Amino acid sequence: MMRILQLNLNHCRAAQDLLSQTILEQRINVAVVCDQYKNLDPPYWRTDANGQAAIWAHGGCRVQEHPARARPFFTWARINGIYIFSIYAPPRLADEEFSAFLINIVEEAWGKRPLIVTGDFNV
């Protein structure tokens, strides 16, 4: 069984430190985070082009696949055979930009199964 935790860190150092402790205490395998304080190093940490959405594989899980190039506002990783998407849609996106953003996610997720899509859509 894979244990997954999803949260928005609100760009807070203390929140990211608490996440690290929670992962250990609760034996979390994958943390799907948005608006992180800082990015950690690959290969266990995957982030989007803007550094606002990330996936952290932990506890013996490893990233089996990830996008060839980072895209803005979302990233994904295949971990234990499951595709996991981390998404952060900033509240500043206009309706047209948000629609285009959703289309990009759908196109990237097409054909990837099983699939978990999570994050902060700010709608």
PDB file of N, CA and C in Angstrom:
ATOM      1  N   MET A   1       0.837  -1.175   0.000  1.00  0.00           N
ATOM      2  CA  MET A   1       0.000   0.000   0.000  1.00  0.00           C
ATOM      3  C   MET A   1       0.887   1.246   0.000  1.00  0.00           C
ATOM      4  N   MET A   2       0.512   2.212  -0.803  1.00  0.00           N
ATOM      5  CA  MET A   2       1.243   3.471  -0.886  1.00  0.00           C
ATOM      6  C   MET A   2       0.437   4.548  -0.153  1.00  0.00           C
ATOM      7  N   ARG A   3       1.101   5.255   0.744  1.00  0.00           N
ATOM      8  CA  ARG A   3       0.450   6.343   1.496  1.00  0.00           C
ATOM      9  C   ARG A   3       0.825   7.663   0.858  1.00  0.00           C
ATOM     10  N   ILE A   4      -0.189   8.462   0.488  1.00  0.00           N
ATOM     11  CA  ILE A   4       0.005   9.723  -0.220  1.00  0.00           C
ATOM     12  C   ILE A   4      -0.575  10.864   0.608  1.00  0.00           C
ATOM     13  N   LEU A   5       0.169  11.949   0.699  1.00  0.00           N
ATOM     14  CA  LEU A   5      -0.270  13.164   1.387  1.00  0.00           C
ATOM     15  C   LEU A   5      -0.217  14.309   0.397  1.00  0.00           C
ATOM     16  N   GLN A   6      -1.277  15.120   0.345  1.00  0.00           N
ATOM     17  CA  GLN A   6      -1.315  16.286  -0.552  1.00  0.00           C
ATOM     18  C   GLN A   6      -1.584  17.532   0.278  1.00  0.00           C
ATOM     19  N   LEU A   7      -0.812  18.604   0.034  1.00  0.00           N
ATOM     20  CA  LEU A   7      -1.046  19.844   0.746  1.00  0.00           C
ATOM     21  C   LEU A   7      -0.394  21.028   0.048  1.00  0.00           C
ATOM     22  N   ASN A   8      -0.894  22.215   0.400  1.00  0.00           N
ATOM     23  CA  ASN A   8      -0.329  23.480  -0.051  1.00  0.00           C
ATOM     24  C   ASN A   8       0.501  24.018   1.110  1.00  0.00           C
ATOM     25  N   LEU A   9       1.769  24.286   0.855  1.00  0.00           N
ATOM     26  CA  LEU A   9       2.681  24.745   1.912  1.00  0.00           C
ATOM     27  C   LEU A   9       2.693  26.261   2.071  1.00  0.00           C
ATOM     28  N   ASN A  10       1.980  26.976   1.202  1.00  0.00           N
ATOM     29  CA  ASN A  10       1.855  28.436   1.296  1.00  0.00           C
ATOM     30  C   ASN A  10       3.214  29.129   1.390  1.00  0.00           C
ATOM     31  N   HIS A  11       4.195  28.560   0.704  1.00  0.00           N
ATOM     32  CA  HIS A  11       5.556  29.098   0.640  1.00  0.00           C
ATOM     33  C   HIS A  11       6.141  29.356   2.038  1.00  0.00           C
ATOM     34  N   CYS A  12       5.852  28.453   2.957  1.00  0.00           N
ATOM     35  CA  CYS A  12       6.234  28.625   4.363  1.00  0.00           C
ATOM     36  C   CYS A  12       7.303  27.607   4.757  1.00  0.00           C
ATOM     37  N   ARG A  13       8.420  28.107   5.253  1.00  0.00           N
ATOM     38  CA  ARG A  13       9.518  27.232   5.658  1.00  0.00           C
ATOM     39  C   ARG A  13       9.099  26.292   6.787  1.00  0.00           C
ATOM     40  N   ALA A  14       8.388  26.812   7.786  1.00  0.00           N
ATOM     41  CA  ALA A  14       7.962  25.983   8.913  1.00  0.00           C
ATOM     42  C   ALA A  14       7.031  24.863   8.443  1.00  0.00           C
ATOM     43  N   ALA A  15       6.141  25.178   7.511  1.00  0.00           N
ATOM     44  CA  ALA A  15       5.231  24.157   6.982  1.00  0.00           C
ATOM     45  C   ALA A  15       6.010  23.060   6.264  1.00  0.00           C
ATOM     46  N   GLN A  16       7.040  23.440   5.511  1.00  0.00           N
ATOM     47  CA  GLN A  16       7.836  22.432   4.808  1.00  0.00           C
ATOM     48  C   GLN A  16       8.639  21.595   5.804  1.00  0.00           C
ATOM     49  N   ASP A  17       9.136  22.206   6.865  1.00  0.00           N
ATOM     50  CA  ASP A  17       9.830  21.452   7.905  1.00  0.00           C
ATOM     51  C   ASP A  17       8.880  20.460   8.589  1.00  0.00           C
ATOM     52  N   LEU A  18       7.655  20.905   8.871  1.00  0.00           N
ATOM     53  CA  LEU A  18       6.655  20.012   9.471  1.00  0.00           C
ATOM     54  C   LEU A  18       6.292  18.872   8.526  1.00  0.00           C
ATOM     55  N   LEU A  19       6.264  19.161   7.230  1.00  0.00           N
ATOM     56  CA  LEU A  19       6.009  18.103   6.240  1.00  0.00           C
ATOM     57  C   LEU A  19       7.075  17.018   6.352  1.00  0.00           C
ATOM     58  N   SER A  20       8.333  17.410   6.424  1.00  0.00           N
ATOM     59  CA  SER A  20       9.423  16.436   6.544  1.00  0.00           C
ATOM     60  C   SER A  20       9.236  15.551   7.774  1.00  0.00           C
ATOM     61  N   GLN A  21       8.863  16.145   8.888  1.00  0.00           N
ATOM     62  CA  GLN A  21       8.650  15.383  10.118  1.00  0.00           C
ATOM     63  C   GLN A  21       7.426  14.473   9.989  1.00  0.00           C
ATOM     64  N   THR A  22       6.353  14.982   9.404  1.00  0.00           N
ATOM     65  CA  THR A  22       5.120  14.205   9.227  1.00  0.00           C
ATOM     66  C   THR A  22       5.347  12.999   8.337  1.00  0.00           C
ATOM     67  N   ILE A  23       6.126  13.189   7.272  1.00  0.00           N
ATOM     68  CA  ILE A  23       6.438  12.077   6.364  1.00  0.00           C
ATOM     69  C   ILE A  23       7.100  10.935   7.127  1.00  0.00           C
ATOM     70  N   LEU A  24       8.011  11.274   8.015  1.00  0.00           N
ATOM     71  CA  LEU A  24       8.694  10.240   8.799  1.00  0.00           C
ATOM     72  C   LEU A  24       7.753   9.590   9.812  1.00  0.00           C
ATOM     73  N   GLU A  25       7.028  10.414  10.557  1.00  0.00           N
ATOM     74  CA  GLU A  25       6.168   9.895  11.614  1.00  0.00           C
ATOM     75  C   GLU A  25       4.999   9.069  11.074  1.00  0.00           C
ATOM     76  N   GLN A  26       4.404   9.519   9.974  1.00  0.00           N
ATOM     77  CA  GLN A  26       3.218   8.860   9.431  1.00  0.00           C
ATOM     78  C   GLN A  26       3.549   7.847   8.333  1.00  0.00           C
ATOM     79  N   ARG A  27       4.828   7.674   8.044  1.00  0.00           N
ATOM     80  CA  ARG A  27       5.288   6.737   7.010  1.00  0.00           C
ATOM     81  C   ARG A  27       4.638   7.026   5.656  1.00  0.00           C
ATOM     82  N   ILE A  28       4.667   8.286   5.268  1.00  0.00           N
ATOM     83  CA  ILE A  28       4.127   8.723   3.987  1.00  0.00           C
ATOM     84  C   ILE A  28       5.116   8.345   2.889  1.00  0.00           C
ATOM     85  N   ASN A  29       4.613   7.772   1.798  1.00  0.00           N
ATOM     86  CA  ASN A  29       5.469   7.381   0.683  1.00  0.00           C
ATOM     87  C   ASN A  29       5.622   8.475  -0.363  1.00  0.00           C
ATOM     88  N   VAL A  30       4.553   9.236  -0.576  1.00  0.00           N
ATOM     89  CA  VAL A  30       4.579  10.283  -1.598  1.00  0.00           C
ATOM     90  C   VAL A  30       3.888  11.530  -1.051  1.00  0.00           C
ATOM     91  N   ALA A  31       4.570  12.655  -1.136  1.00  0.00           N
ATOM     92  CA  ALA A  31       3.969  13.942  -0.791  1.00  0.00           C
ATOM     93  C   ALA A  31       3.760  14.716  -2.092  1.00  0.00           C
ATOM     94  N   VAL A  32       2.542  15.159  -2.299  1.00  0.00           N
ATOM     95  CA  VAL A  32       2.197  15.969  -3.470  1.00  0.00           C
ATOM     96  C   VAL A  32       1.961  17.367  -2.927  1.00  0.00           C
ATOM     97  N   VAL A  33       2.854  18.292  -3.264  1.00  0.00           N
ATOM     98  CA  VAL A  33       2.809  19.615  -2.634  1.00  0.00           C
ATOM     99  C   VAL A  33       2.691  20.735  -3.661  1.00  0.00           C
ATOM    100  N   CYS A  34       2.138  21.840  -3.184  1.00  0.00           N
ATOM    101  CA  CYS A  34       2.017  23.059  -3.982  1.00  0.00           C
ATOM    102  C   CYS A  34       2.580  24.224  -3.179  1.00  0.00           C
ATOM    103  N   ASP A  35       3.054  25.214  -3.892  1.00  0.00           N
ATOM    104  CA  ASP A  35       3.541  26.454  -3.295  1.00  0.00           C
ATOM    105  C   ASP A  35       4.553  26.174  -2.184  1.00  0.00           C
ATOM    106  N   GLN A  36       5.518  25.297  -2.498  1.00  0.00           N
ATOM    107  CA  GLN A  36       6.526  24.894  -1.535  1.00  0.00           C
ATOM    108  C   GLN A  36       7.493  26.034  -1.231  1.00  0.00           C
ATOM    109  N   TYR A  37       8.161  25.924  -0.082  1.00  0.00           N
ATOM    110  CA  TYR A  37       9.141  26.923   0.328  1.00  0.00           C
ATOM    111  C   TYR A  37      10.400  26.834  -0.525  1.00  0.00           C
ATOM    112  N   LYS A  38      10.897  25.611  -0.700  1.00  0.00           N
ATOM    113  CA  LYS A  38      12.068  25.402  -1.555  1.00  0.00           C
ATOM    114  C   LYS A  38      11.980  24.015  -2.169  1.00  0.00           C
ATOM    115  N   ASN A  39      12.662  23.856  -3.284  1.00  0.00           N
ATOM    116  CA  ASN A  39      12.699  22.569  -3.961  1.00  0.00           C
ATOM    117  C   ASN A  39      13.891  21.772  -3.468  1.00  0.00           C
ATOM    118  N   LEU A  40      13.681  20.475  -3.319  1.00  0.00           N
ATOM    119  CA  LEU A  40      14.751  19.572  -2.939  1.00  0.00           C
ATOM    120  C   LEU A  40      15.380  19.010  -4.211  1.00  0.00           C
ATOM    121  N   ASP A  41      16.303  18.093  -4.062  1.00  0.00           N
ATOM    122  CA  ASP A  41      17.044  17.574  -5.207  1.00  0.00           C
ATOM    123  C   ASP A  41      16.377  16.342  -5.813  1.00  0.00           C
ATOM    124  N   PRO A  42      16.464  16.224  -7.168  1.00  0.00           N
ATOM    125  CA  PRO A  42      16.050  14.975  -7.810  1.00  0.00           C
ATOM    126  C   PRO A  42      16.993  13.859  -7.345  1.00  0.00           C
ATOM    127  N   PRO A  43      16.675  12.620  -7.508  1.00  0.00           N
ATOM    128  CA  PRO A  43      15.592  12.060  -8.305  1.00  0.00           C
ATOM    129  C   PRO A  43      14.291  11.868  -7.534  1.00  0.00           C
ATOM    130  N   TYR A  44      14.322  12.052  -6.203  1.00  0.00           N
ATOM    131  CA  TYR A  44      13.123  11.792  -5.417  1.00  0.00           C
ATOM    132  C   TYR A  44      12.154  12.979  -5.402  1.00  0.00           C
ATOM    133  N   TRP A  45      12.606  14.128  -5.831  1.00  0.00           N
ATOM    134  CA  TRP A  45      11.800  15.353  -5.842  1.00  0.00           C
ATOM    135  C   TRP A  45      11.657  15.811  -7.290  1.00  0.00           C
ATOM    136  N   ARG A  46      10.434  15.937  -7.767  1.00  0.00           N
ATOM    137  CA  ARG A  46      10.159  16.422  -9.129  1.00  0.00           C
ATOM    138  C   ARG A  46       9.339  17.702  -9.009  1.00  0.00           C
ATOM    139  N   THR A  47       9.689  18.709  -9.803  1.00  0.00           N
ATOM    140  CA  THR A  47       8.984  19.981  -9.723  1.00  0.00           C
ATOM    141  C   THR A  47       8.611  20.498 -11.100  1.00  0.00           C
ATOM    142  N   ASP A  48       7.678  21.433 -11.136  1.00  0.00           N
ATOM    143  CA  ASP A  48       7.284  22.078 -12.386  1.00  0.00           C
ATOM    144  C   ASP A  48       8.293  23.167 -12.739  1.00  0.00           C
ATOM    145  N   ALA A  49       8.108  23.795 -13.891  1.00  0.00           N
ATOM    146  CA  ALA A  49       9.034  24.820 -14.373  1.00  0.00           C
ATOM    147  C   ALA A  49       9.043  26.067 -13.489  1.00  0.00           C
ATOM    148  N   ASN A  50       7.963  26.337 -12.789  1.00  0.00           N
ATOM    149  CA  ASN A  50       7.859  27.528 -11.941  1.00  0.00           C
ATOM    150  C   ASN A  50       8.243  27.272 -10.483  1.00  0.00           C
ATOM    151  N   GLY A  51       8.464  26.012 -10.136  1.00  0.00           N
ATOM    152  CA  GLY A  51       8.798  25.689  -8.758  1.00  0.00           C
ATOM    153  C   GLY A  51       7.629  25.862  -7.807  1.00  0.00           C
ATOM    154  N   GLN A  52       6.404  25.622  -8.287  1.00  0.00           N
ATOM    155  CA  GLN A  52       5.227  25.801  -7.447  1.00  0.00           C
ATOM    156  C   GLN A  52       4.392  24.536  -7.291  1.00  0.00           C
ATOM    157  N   ALA A  53       4.762  23.469  -7.940  1.00  0.00           N
ATOM    158  CA  ALA A  53       4.089  22.175  -7.789  1.00  0.00           C
ATOM    159  C   ALA A  53       5.176  21.110  -7.769  1.00  0.00           C
ATOM    160  N   ALA A  54       5.056  20.175  -6.830  1.00  0.00           N
ATOM    161  CA  ALA A  54       6.115  19.172  -6.708  1.00  0.00           C
ATOM    162  C   ALA A  54       5.559  17.844  -6.225  1.00  0.00           C
ATOM    163  N   ILE A  55       6.356  16.813  -6.466  1.00  0.00           N
ATOM    164  CA  ILE A  55       6.067  15.469  -5.993  1.00  0.00           C
ATOM    165  C   ILE A  55       7.337  14.963  -5.317  1.00  0.00           C
ATOM    166  N   TRP A  56       7.174  14.455  -4.100  1.00  0.00           N
ATOM    167  CA  TRP A  56       8.307  13.976  -3.320  1.00  0.00           C
ATOM    168  C   TRP A  56       8.098  12.495  -3.009  1.00  0.00           C
ATOM    169  N   ALA A  57       8.886  11.645  -3.654  1.00  0.00           N
ATOM    170  CA  ALA A  57       8.843  10.200  -3.393  1.00  0.00           C
ATOM    171  C   ALA A  57       9.726   9.914  -2.186  1.00  0.00           C
ATOM    172  N   HIS A  58       9.206   9.120  -1.262  1.00  0.00           N
ATOM    173  CA  HIS A  58       9.899   8.895  -0.002  1.00  0.00           C
ATOM    174  C   HIS A  58       9.625   7.472   0.464  1.00  0.00           C
ATOM    175  N   GLY A  59      10.316   7.021   1.456  1.00  0.00           N
ATOM    176  CA  GLY A  59      10.031   5.744   2.086  1.00  0.00           C
ATOM    177  C   GLY A  59      10.186   4.544   1.177  1.00  0.00           C
ATOM    178  N   GLY A  60      11.232   4.539   0.376  1.00  0.00           N
ATOM    179  CA  GLY A  60      11.485   3.406  -0.493  1.00  0.00           C
ATOM    180  C   GLY A  60      10.829   3.487  -1.860  1.00  0.00           C
ATOM    181  N   CYS A  61       9.976   4.465  -2.064  1.00  0.00           N
ATOM    182  CA  CYS A  61       9.368   4.638  -3.392  1.00  0.00           C
ATOM    183  C   CYS A  61      10.355   5.382  -4.282  1.00  0.00           C
ATOM    184  N   ARG A  62      10.318   5.046  -5.545  1.00  0.00           N
ATOM    185  CA  ARG A  62      11.184   5.764  -6.478  1.00  0.00           C
ATOM    186  C   ARG A  62      10.380   6.198  -7.688  1.00  0.00           C
ATOM    187  N   VAL A  63      10.844   7.264  -8.297  1.00  0.00           N
ATOM    188  CA  VAL A  63      10.204   7.781  -9.503  1.00  0.00           C
ATOM    189  C   VAL A  63      10.612   6.891 -10.666  1.00  0.00           C
ATOM    190  N   GLN A  64       9.626   6.264 -11.303  1.00  0.00           N
ATOM    191  CA  GLN A  64       9.888   5.359 -12.418  1.00  0.00           C
ATOM    192  C   GLN A  64       9.867   6.097 -13.750  1.00  0.00           C
ATOM    193  N   GLU A  65       9.142   7.199 -13.810  1.00  0.00           N
ATOM    194  CA  GLU A  65       9.010   7.971 -15.044  1.00  0.00           C
ATOM    195  C   GLU A  65       8.590   9.381 -14.661  1.00  0.00           C
ATOM    196  N   HIS A  66       8.990  10.357 -15.473  1.00  0.00           N
ATOM    197  CA  HIS A  66       8.604  11.753 -15.262  1.00  0.00           C
ATOM    198  C   HIS A  66       8.681  12.470 -16.597  1.00  0.00           C
ATOM    199  N   PRO A  67       8.137  13.682 -16.693  1.00  0.00           N
ATOM    200  CA  PRO A  67       8.170  14.369 -17.986  1.00  0.00           C
ATOM    201  C   PRO A  67       9.605  14.677 -18.420  1.00  0.00           C
ATOM    202  N   ALA A  68       9.806  14.668 -19.731  1.00  0.00           N
ATOM    203  CA  ALA A  68      11.127  14.966 -20.286  1.00  0.00           C
ATOM    204  C   ALA A  68      11.532  16.413 -20.028  1.00  0.00           C
ATOM    205  N   ARG A  69      10.545  17.304 -20.018  1.00  0.00           N
ATOM    206  CA  ARG A  69      10.836  18.712 -19.728  1.00  0.00           C
ATOM    207  C   ARG A  69       9.773  19.243 -18.775  1.00  0.00           C
ATOM    208  N   ALA A  70      10.200  20.154 -17.917  1.00  0.00           N
ATOM    209  CA  ALA A  70       9.286  20.726 -16.936  1.00  0.00           C
ATOM    210  C   ALA A  70       8.299  21.681 -17.623  1.00  0.00           C
ATOM    211  N   ARG A  71       7.055  21.619 -17.202  1.00  0.00           N
ATOM    212  CA  ARG A  71       5.998  22.498 -17.711  1.00  0.00           C
ATOM    213  C   ARG A  71       5.608  23.463 -16.601  1.00  0.00           C
ATOM    214  N   PRO A  72       5.069  24.617 -16.960  1.00  0.00           N
ATOM    215  CA  PRO A  72       4.645  25.547 -15.909  1.00  0.00           C
ATOM    216  C   PRO A  72       3.394  25.056 -15.177  1.00  0.00           C
ATOM    217  N   PHE A  73       3.411  25.210 -13.876  1.00  0.00           N
ATOM    218  CA  PHE A  73       2.269  25.014 -12.986  1.00  0.00           C
ATOM    219  C   PHE A  73       1.842  23.568 -12.750  1.00  0.00           C
ATOM    220  N   PHE A  74       2.485  22.590 -13.353  1.00  0.00           N
ATOM    221  CA  PHE A  74       2.183  21.207 -12.999  1.00  0.00           C
ATOM    222  C   PHE A  74       3.347  20.289 -13.367  1.00  0.00           C
ATOM    223  N   THR A  75       3.391  19.169 -12.648  1.00  0.00           N
ATOM    224  CA  THR A  75       4.356  18.126 -12.953  1.00  0.00           C
ATOM    225  C   THR A  75       3.695  16.779 -12.670  1.00  0.00           C
ATOM    226  N   TRP A  76       4.352  15.734 -13.087  1.00  0.00           N
ATOM    227  CA  TRP A  76       3.845  14.393 -12.810  1.00  0.00           C
ATOM    228  C   TRP A  76       5.009  13.431 -12.652  1.00  0.00           C
ATOM    229  N   ALA A  77       4.706  12.324 -12.021  1.00  0.00           N
ATOM    230  CA  ALA A  77       5.678  11.255 -11.877  1.00  0.00           C
ATOM    231  C   ALA A  77       4.917   9.932 -11.803  1.00  0.00           C
ATOM    232  N   ARG A  78       5.535   8.893 -12.347  1.00  0.00           N
ATOM    233  CA  ARG A  78       4.969   7.548 -12.176  1.00  0.00           C
ATOM    234  C   ARG A  78       5.740   6.907 -11.040  1.00  0.00           C
ATOM    235  N   ILE A  79       5.001   6.549  -9.986  1.00  0.00           N
ATOM    236  CA  ILE A  79       5.583   5.967  -8.790  1.00  0.00           C
ATOM    237  C   ILE A  79       4.800   4.701  -8.466  1.00  0.00           C
ATOM    238  N   ASN A  80       5.497   3.587  -8.331  1.00  0.00           N
ATOM    239  CA  ASN A  80       4.839   2.292  -8.090  1.00  0.00           C
ATOM    240  C   ASN A  80       3.730   2.025  -9.108  1.00  0.00           C
ATOM    241  N   GLY A  81       3.969   2.421 -10.346  1.00  0.00           N
ATOM    242  CA  GLY A  81       3.027   2.159 -11.425  1.00  0.00           C
ATOM    243  C   GLY A  81       1.854   3.115 -11.510  1.00  0.00           C
ATOM    244  N   ILE A  82       1.776   4.105 -10.619  1.00  0.00           N
ATOM    245  CA  ILE A  82       0.670   5.067 -10.608  1.00  0.00           C
ATOM    246  C   ILE A  82       1.183   6.428 -11.053  1.00  0.00           C
ATOM    247  N   TYR A  83       0.479   7.030 -12.009  1.00  0.00           N
ATOM    248  CA  TYR A  83       0.808   8.376 -12.453  1.00  0.00           C
ATOM    249  C   TYR A  83       0.180   9.371 -11.481  1.00  0.00           C
ATOM    250  N   ILE A  84       1.011  10.227 -10.919  1.00  0.00           N
ATOM    251  CA  ILE A  84       0.552  11.223  -9.954  1.00  0.00           C
ATOM    252  C   ILE A  84       0.871  12.605 -10.504  1.00  0.00           C
ATOM    253  N   PHE A  85      -0.143  13.452 -10.583  1.00  0.00           N
ATOM    254  CA  PHE A  85       0.016  14.824 -11.049  1.00  0.00           C
ATOM    255  C   PHE A  85      -0.083  15.776  -9.868  1.00  0.00           C
ATOM    256  N   SER A  86       0.835  16.724  -9.796  1.00  0.00           N
ATOM    257  CA  SER A  86       0.784  17.818  -8.828  1.00  0.00           C
ATOM    258  C   SER A  86       0.543  19.100  -9.608  1.00  0.00           C
ATOM    259  N   ILE A  87      -0.490  19.834  -9.213  1.00  0.00           N
ATOM    260  CA  ILE A  87      -0.925  21.004  -9.977  1.00  0.00           C
ATOM    261  C   ILE A  87      -1.041  22.216  -9.063  1.00  0.00           C
ATOM    262  N   TYR A  88      -0.544  23.356  -9.537  1.00  0.00           N
ATOM    263  CA  TYR A  88      -0.754  24.617  -8.842  1.00  0.00           C
ATOM    264  C   TYR A  88      -1.173  25.655  -9.870  1.00  0.00           C
ATOM    265  N   ALA A  89      -2.451  26.029  -9.839  1.00  0.00           N
ATOM    266  CA  ALA A  89      -2.966  27.084 -10.718  1.00  0.00           C
ATOM    267  C   ALA A  89      -3.003  28.377  -9.912  1.00  0.00           C
ATOM    268  N   PRO A  90      -2.118  29.310 -10.208  1.00  0.00           N
ATOM    269  CA  PRO A  90      -2.108  30.540  -9.426  1.00  0.00           C
ATOM    270  C   PRO A  90      -3.407  31.330  -9.619  1.00  0.00           C
ATOM    271  N   PRO A  91      -3.858  32.023  -8.589  1.00  0.00           N
ATOM    272  CA  PRO A  91      -5.117  32.764  -8.680  1.00  0.00           C
ATOM    273  C   PRO A  91      -5.076  33.901  -9.710  1.00  0.00           C
ATOM    274  N   ARG A  92      -3.909  34.289 -10.143  1.00  0.00           N
ATOM    275  CA  ARG A  92      -3.783  35.396 -11.102  1.00  0.00           C
ATOM    276  C   ARG A  92      -4.142  35.011 -12.537  1.00  0.00           C
ATOM    277  N   LEU A  93      -4.337  33.712 -12.831  1.00  0.00           N
ATOM    278  CA  LEU A  93      -4.639  33.292 -14.197  1.00  0.00           C
ATOM    279  C   LEU A  93      -6.009  33.818 -14.632  1.00  0.00           C
ATOM    280  N   ALA A  94      -6.033  34.427 -15.809  1.00  0.00           N
ATOM    281  CA  ALA A  94      -7.302  34.864 -16.394  1.00  0.00           C
ATOM    282  C   ALA A  94      -8.069  33.633 -16.867  1.00  0.00           C
ATOM    283  N   ASP A  95      -9.353  33.775 -17.112  1.00  0.00           N
ATOM    284  CA  ASP A  95     -10.192  32.642 -17.526  1.00  0.00           C
ATOM    285  C   ASP A  95      -9.622  31.922 -18.745  1.00  0.00           C
ATOM    286  N   GLU A  96      -9.176  32.671 -19.721  1.00  0.00           N
ATOM    287  CA  GLU A  96      -8.624  32.077 -20.945  1.00  0.00           C
ATOM    288  C   GLU A  96      -7.337  31.306 -20.646  1.00  0.00           C
ATOM    289  N   GLU A  97      -6.487  31.860 -19.803  1.00  0.00           N
ATOM    290  CA  GLU A  97      -5.245  31.186 -19.420  1.00  0.00           C
ATOM    291  C   GLU A  97      -5.550  29.909 -18.624  1.00  0.00           C
ATOM    292  N   PHE A  98      -6.540  29.985 -17.743  1.00  0.00           N
ATOM    293  CA  PHE A  98      -6.914  28.824 -16.945  1.00  0.00           C
ATOM    294  C   PHE A  98      -7.443  27.697 -17.836  1.00  0.00           C
ATOM    295  N   SER A  99      -8.249  28.055 -18.822  1.00  0.00           N
ATOM    296  CA  SER A  99      -8.774  27.056 -19.762  1.00  0.00           C
ATOM    297  C   SER A  99      -7.644  26.379 -20.532  1.00  0.00           C
ATOM    298  N   ALA A 100      -6.691  27.172 -21.015  1.00  0.00           N
ATOM    299  CA  ALA A 100      -5.543  26.624 -21.738  1.00  0.00           C
ATOM    300  C   ALA A 100      -4.710  25.726 -20.821  1.00  0.00           C
ATOM    301  N   PHE A 101      -4.576  26.121 -19.577  1.00  0.00           N
ATOM    302  CA  PHE A 101      -3.849  25.350 -18.574  1.00  0.00           C
ATOM    303  C   PHE A 101      -4.503  23.977 -18.367  1.00  0.00           C
ATOM    304  N   LEU A 102      -5.826  23.952 -18.247  1.00  0.00           N
ATOM    305  CA  LEU A 102      -6.545  22.684 -18.079  1.00  0.00           C
ATOM    306  C   LEU A 102      -6.380  21.786 -19.299  1.00  0.00           C
ATOM    307  N   ILE A 103      -6.402  22.377 -20.481  1.00  0.00           N
ATOM    308  CA  ILE A 103      -6.194  21.597 -21.709  1.00  0.00           C
ATOM    309  C   ILE A 103      -4.807  20.965 -21.699  1.00  0.00           C
ATOM    310  N   ASN A 104      -3.795  21.718 -21.263  1.00  0.00           N
ATOM    311  CA  ASN A 104      -2.429  21.170 -21.176  1.00  0.00           C
ATOM    312  C   ASN A 104      -2.362  19.971 -20.234  1.00  0.00           C
ATOM    313  N   ILE A 105      -3.074  20.064 -19.119  1.00  0.00           N
ATOM    314  CA  ILE A 105      -3.079  18.950 -18.163  1.00  0.00           C
ATOM    315  C   ILE A 105      -3.736  17.722 -18.787  1.00  0.00           C
ATOM    316  N   VAL A 106      -4.895  17.917 -19.417  1.00  0.00           N
ATOM    317  CA  VAL A 106      -5.609  16.801 -20.043  1.00  0.00           C
ATOM    318  C   VAL A 106      -4.740  16.141 -21.112  1.00  0.00           C
ATOM    319  N   GLU A 107      -4.083  16.945 -21.946  1.00  0.00           N
ATOM    320  CA  GLU A 107      -3.225  16.395 -22.994  1.00  0.00           C
ATOM    321  C   GLU A 107      -2.061  15.605 -22.403  1.00  0.00           C
ATOM    322  N   GLU A 108      -1.485  16.105 -21.334  1.00  0.00           N
ATOM    323  CA  GLU A 108      -0.352  15.418 -20.705  1.00  0.00           C
ATOM    324  C   GLU A 108      -0.801  14.126 -20.015  1.00  0.00           C
ATOM    325  N   ALA A 109      -2.005  14.132 -19.459  1.00  0.00           N
ATOM    326  CA  ALA A 109      -2.507  12.964 -18.726  1.00  0.00           C
ATOM    327  C   ALA A 109      -3.124  11.906 -19.637  1.00  0.00           C
ATOM    328  N   TRP A 110      -3.390  12.258 -20.881  1.00  0.00           N
ATOM    329  CA  TRP A 110      -4.060  11.346 -21.805  1.00  0.00           C
ATOM    330  C   TRP A 110      -3.307  10.016 -21.892  1.00  0.00           C
ATOM    331  N   GLY A 111      -4.025   8.928 -21.651  1.00  0.00           N
ATOM    332  CA  GLY A 111      -3.452   7.591 -21.783  1.00  0.00           C
ATOM    333  C   GLY A 111      -2.658   7.104 -20.585  1.00  0.00           C
ATOM    334  N   LYS A 112      -2.475   7.938 -19.586  1.00  0.00           N
ATOM    335  CA  LYS A 112      -1.726   7.532 -18.394  1.00  0.00           C
ATOM    336  C   LYS A 112      -2.717   6.962 -17.372  1.00  0.00           C
ATOM    337  N   ARG A 113      -2.583   5.675 -17.075  1.00  0.00           N
ATOM    338  CA  ARG A 113      -3.476   5.010 -16.132  1.00  0.00           C
ATOM    339  C   ARG A 113      -2.685   4.005 -15.323  1.00  0.00           C
ATOM    340  N   PRO A 114      -3.003   3.770 -14.071  1.00  0.00           N
ATOM    341  CA  PRO A 114      -3.916   4.528 -13.229  1.00  0.00           C
ATOM    342  C   PRO A 114      -3.364   5.926 -12.956  1.00  0.00           C
ATOM    343  N   LEU A 115      -4.268   6.837 -12.590  1.00  0.00           N
ATOM    344  CA  LEU A 115      -3.944   8.257 -12.543  1.00  0.00           C
ATOM    345  C   LEU A 115      -4.540   8.918 -11.309  1.00  0.00           C
ATOM    346  N   ILE A 116      -3.734   9.729 -10.632  1.00  0.00           N
ATOM    347  CA  ILE A 116      -4.200  10.582  -9.547  1.00  0.00           C
ATOM    348  C   ILE A 116      -3.859  12.017  -9.934  1.00  0.00           C
ATOM    349  N   VAL A 117      -4.848  12.893  -9.909  1.00  0.00           N
ATOM    350  CA  VAL A 117      -4.651  14.323 -10.196  1.00  0.00           C
ATOM    351  C   VAL A 117      -5.017  15.084  -8.938  1.00  0.00           C
ATOM    352  N   THR A 118      -4.087  15.857  -8.417  1.00  0.00           N
ATOM    353  CA  THR A 118      -4.328  16.586  -7.188  1.00  0.00           C
ATOM    354  C   THR A 118      -3.561  17.896  -7.193  1.00  0.00           C
ATOM    355  N   GLY A 119      -3.979  18.804  -6.356  1.00  0.00           N
ATOM    356  CA  GLY A 119      -3.275  20.077  -6.253  1.00  0.00           C
ATOM    357  C   GLY A 119      -4.191  21.191  -5.839  1.00  0.00           C
ATOM    358  N   ASP A 120      -3.774  22.396  -6.167  1.00  0.00           N
ATOM    359  CA  ASP A 120      -4.481  23.617  -5.782  1.00  0.00           C
ATOM    360  C   ASP A 120      -4.869  24.341  -7.066  1.00  0.00           C
ATOM    361  N   PHE A 121      -6.163  24.328  -7.363  1.00  0.00           N
ATOM    362  CA  PHE A 121      -6.645  24.918  -8.616  1.00  0.00           C
ATOM    363  C   PHE A 121      -7.065  26.379  -8.472  1.00  0.00           C
ATOM    364  N   ASN A 122      -7.193  26.883  -7.255  1.00  0.00           N
ATOM    365  CA  ASN A 122      -7.515  28.298  -7.009  1.00  0.00           C
ATOM    366  C   ASN A 122      -8.668  28.824  -7.844  1.00  0.00           C
ATOM    367  N   VAL A 123      -9.751  28.089  -7.887  1.00  0.00           N
ATOM    368  CA  VAL A 123     -10.922  28.577  -8.620  1.00  0.00           C
ATOM    369  C   VAL A 123     -12.021  29.010  -7.682  1.00  0.00           C
TER     370      VAL A 123
END
